[in-house]
Amino acid sequence: MTEYAYFLVDSTAQAMRLEKILMDKGVECKLVPVPRQFSSDCGLCARVPKSLLEPAVKLLAAAKAAYREIVFDYA
């Protein structure tokens, strides 16, 4: 089973921006619904394999891309 990092955001637009930044730099990323254990709100988040978390965080910081928090789960 793969462990994933989920970047929780405040809007769909933020999730789409994160996905574009990461995908443009070759980091595997997928927009998925926020897992229920992390939020009861409807919405999207950006999911990356935990093994790619460090480069993803660095790329997002360099792009000044906002996210609320990072949480972890298996899928």
C-alpha atoms as a PDB file:
ATOM      1  CA  MET A   1       0.000   0.000   0.000  1.00  0.00           C
ATOM      2  CA  THR A   2       1.304   3.462  -0.895  1.00  0.00           C
ATOM      3  CA  GLU A   3       1.383   6.224   1.689  1.00  0.00           C
ATOM      4  CA  TYR A   4       0.279   9.609   0.395  1.00  0.00           C
ATOM      5  CA  ALA A   5       0.617  13.210   1.486  1.00  0.00           C
ATOM      6  CA  TYR A   6      -2.509  15.307   1.024  1.00  0.00           C
ATOM      7  CA  PHE A   7      -2.171  19.072   0.632  1.00  0.00           C
ATOM      8  CA  LEU A   8      -5.371  20.519   2.092  1.00  0.00           C
ATOM      9  CA  VAL A   9      -6.404  23.856   0.615  1.00  0.00           C
ATOM     10  CA  ASP A  10      -9.154  26.438   1.011  1.00  0.00           C
ATOM     11  CA  SER A  11     -10.470  26.363  -2.554  1.00  0.00           C
ATOM     12  CA  THR A  12     -10.638  24.317  -5.714  1.00  0.00           C
ATOM     13  CA  ALA A  13      -8.596  27.019  -7.454  1.00  0.00           C
ATOM     14  CA  GLN A  14      -5.764  26.535  -4.933  1.00  0.00           C
ATOM     15  CA  ALA A  15      -5.846  22.767  -5.456  1.00  0.00           C
ATOM     16  CA  MET A  16      -5.657  23.225  -9.218  1.00  0.00           C
ATOM     17  CA  ARG A  17      -2.730  25.649  -8.862  1.00  0.00           C
ATOM     18  CA  LEU A  18      -0.809  23.151  -6.709  1.00  0.00           C
ATOM     19  CA  GLU A  19      -1.455  20.387  -9.218  1.00  0.00           C
ATOM     20  CA  LYS A  20      -0.248  22.533 -12.138  1.00  0.00           C
ATOM     21  CA  ILE A  21       2.938  23.627 -10.344  1.00  0.00           C
ATOM     22  CA  LEU A  22       3.839  20.065  -9.390  1.00  0.00           C
ATOM     23  CA  MET A  23       2.902  18.416 -12.687  1.00  0.00           C
ATOM     24  CA  ASP A  24       4.807  21.067 -14.691  1.00  0.00           C
ATOM     25  CA  LYS A  25       7.950  20.103 -12.733  1.00  0.00           C
ATOM     26  CA  GLY A  26       7.373  16.359 -13.147  1.00  0.00           C
ATOM     27  CA  VAL A  27       6.159  15.608  -9.608  1.00  0.00           C
ATOM     28  CA  GLU A  28       3.375  13.017  -9.557  1.00  0.00           C
ATOM     29  CA  CYS A  29       0.230  14.717  -8.287  1.00  0.00           C
ATOM     30  CA  LYS A  30      -3.482  13.987  -8.438  1.00  0.00           C
ATOM     31  CA  LEU A  31      -6.503  16.031  -7.397  1.00  0.00           C
ATOM     32  CA  VAL A  32      -8.761  13.917  -5.199  1.00  0.00           C
ATOM     33  CA  PRO A  33     -11.674  14.548  -2.832  1.00  0.00           C
ATOM     34  CA  VAL A  34     -10.534  15.414   0.685  1.00  0.00           C
ATOM     35  CA  PRO A  35     -10.594  12.147   2.690  1.00  0.00           C
ATOM     36  CA  ARG A  36     -13.424  12.210   5.244  1.00  0.00           C
ATOM     37  CA  GLN A  37     -11.121  11.545   8.188  1.00  0.00           C
ATOM     38  CA  PHE A  38      -9.494  14.939   7.539  1.00  0.00           C
ATOM     39  CA  SER A  39     -12.530  17.095   6.782  1.00  0.00           C
ATOM     40  CA  SER A  40     -16.282  16.774   6.511  1.00  0.00           C
ATOM     41  CA  ASP A  41     -16.292  19.596   3.952  1.00  0.00           C
ATOM     42  CA  CYS A  42     -16.657  18.816   0.297  1.00  0.00           C
ATOM     43  CA  GLY A  43     -13.635  19.792  -1.672  1.00  0.00           C
ATOM     44  CA  LEU A  44     -10.484  18.802  -3.452  1.00  0.00           C
ATOM     45  CA  CYS A  45      -6.935  18.386  -2.309  1.00  0.00           C
ATOM     46  CA  ALA A  46      -3.664  17.630  -4.042  1.00  0.00           C
ATOM     47  CA  ARG A  47      -2.272  14.142  -3.360  1.00  0.00           C
ATOM     48  CA  VAL A  48       1.364  13.151  -3.855  1.00  0.00           C
ATOM     49  CA  PRO A  49       3.212   9.981  -2.855  1.00  0.00           C
ATOM     50  CA  LYS A  50       4.905  10.535   0.509  1.00  0.00           C
ATOM     51  CA  SER A  51       8.227   9.709  -1.149  1.00  0.00           C
ATOM     52  CA  LEU A  52       7.849  12.912  -3.214  1.00  0.00           C
ATOM     53  CA  LEU A  53       6.821  15.150  -0.308  1.00  0.00           C
ATOM     54  CA  GLU A  54      10.145  16.959   0.122  1.00  0.00           C
ATOM     55  CA  PRO A  55      10.528  18.040  -3.521  1.00  0.00           C
ATOM     56  CA  ALA A  56       6.825  18.951  -3.653  1.00  0.00           C
ATOM     57  CA  VAL A  57       7.087  21.210  -0.593  1.00  0.00           C
ATOM     58  CA  LYS A  58      10.202  22.899  -2.001  1.00  0.00           C
ATOM     59  CA  LEU A  59       8.561  23.538  -5.371  1.00  0.00           C
ATOM     60  CA  LEU A  60       5.415  24.941  -3.776  1.00  0.00           C
ATOM     61  CA  ALA A  61       7.445  27.190  -1.472  1.00  0.00           C
ATOM     62  CA  ALA A  62       9.457  28.511  -4.425  1.00  0.00           C
ATOM     63  CA  ALA A  63       6.193  29.244  -6.263  1.00  0.00           C
ATOM     64  CA  LYS A  64       4.685  30.841  -3.121  1.00  0.00           C
ATOM     65  CA  ALA A  65       1.723  28.477  -3.444  1.00  0.00           C
ATOM     66  CA  ALA A  66      -0.578  28.413  -0.421  1.00  0.00           C
ATOM     67  CA  TYR A  67      -2.004  25.350   1.300  1.00  0.00           C
ATOM     68  CA  ARG A  68      -3.620  24.923   4.712  1.00  0.00           C
ATOM     69  CA  GLU A  69      -1.852  21.782   5.929  1.00  0.00           C
ATOM     70  CA  ILE A  70      -0.359  18.461   4.905  1.00  0.00           C
ATOM     71  CA  VAL A  71      -1.853  15.210   6.209  1.00  0.00           C
ATOM     72  CA  PHE A  72      -0.955  11.568   5.554  1.00  0.00           C
ATOM     73  CA  ASP A  73      -2.911   8.430   4.721  1.00  0.00           C
ATOM     74  CA  TYR A  74      -2.694   5.154   2.817  1.00  0.00           C
ATOM     75  CA  ALA A  75      -4.606   4.498  -0.386  1.00  0.00           C
END
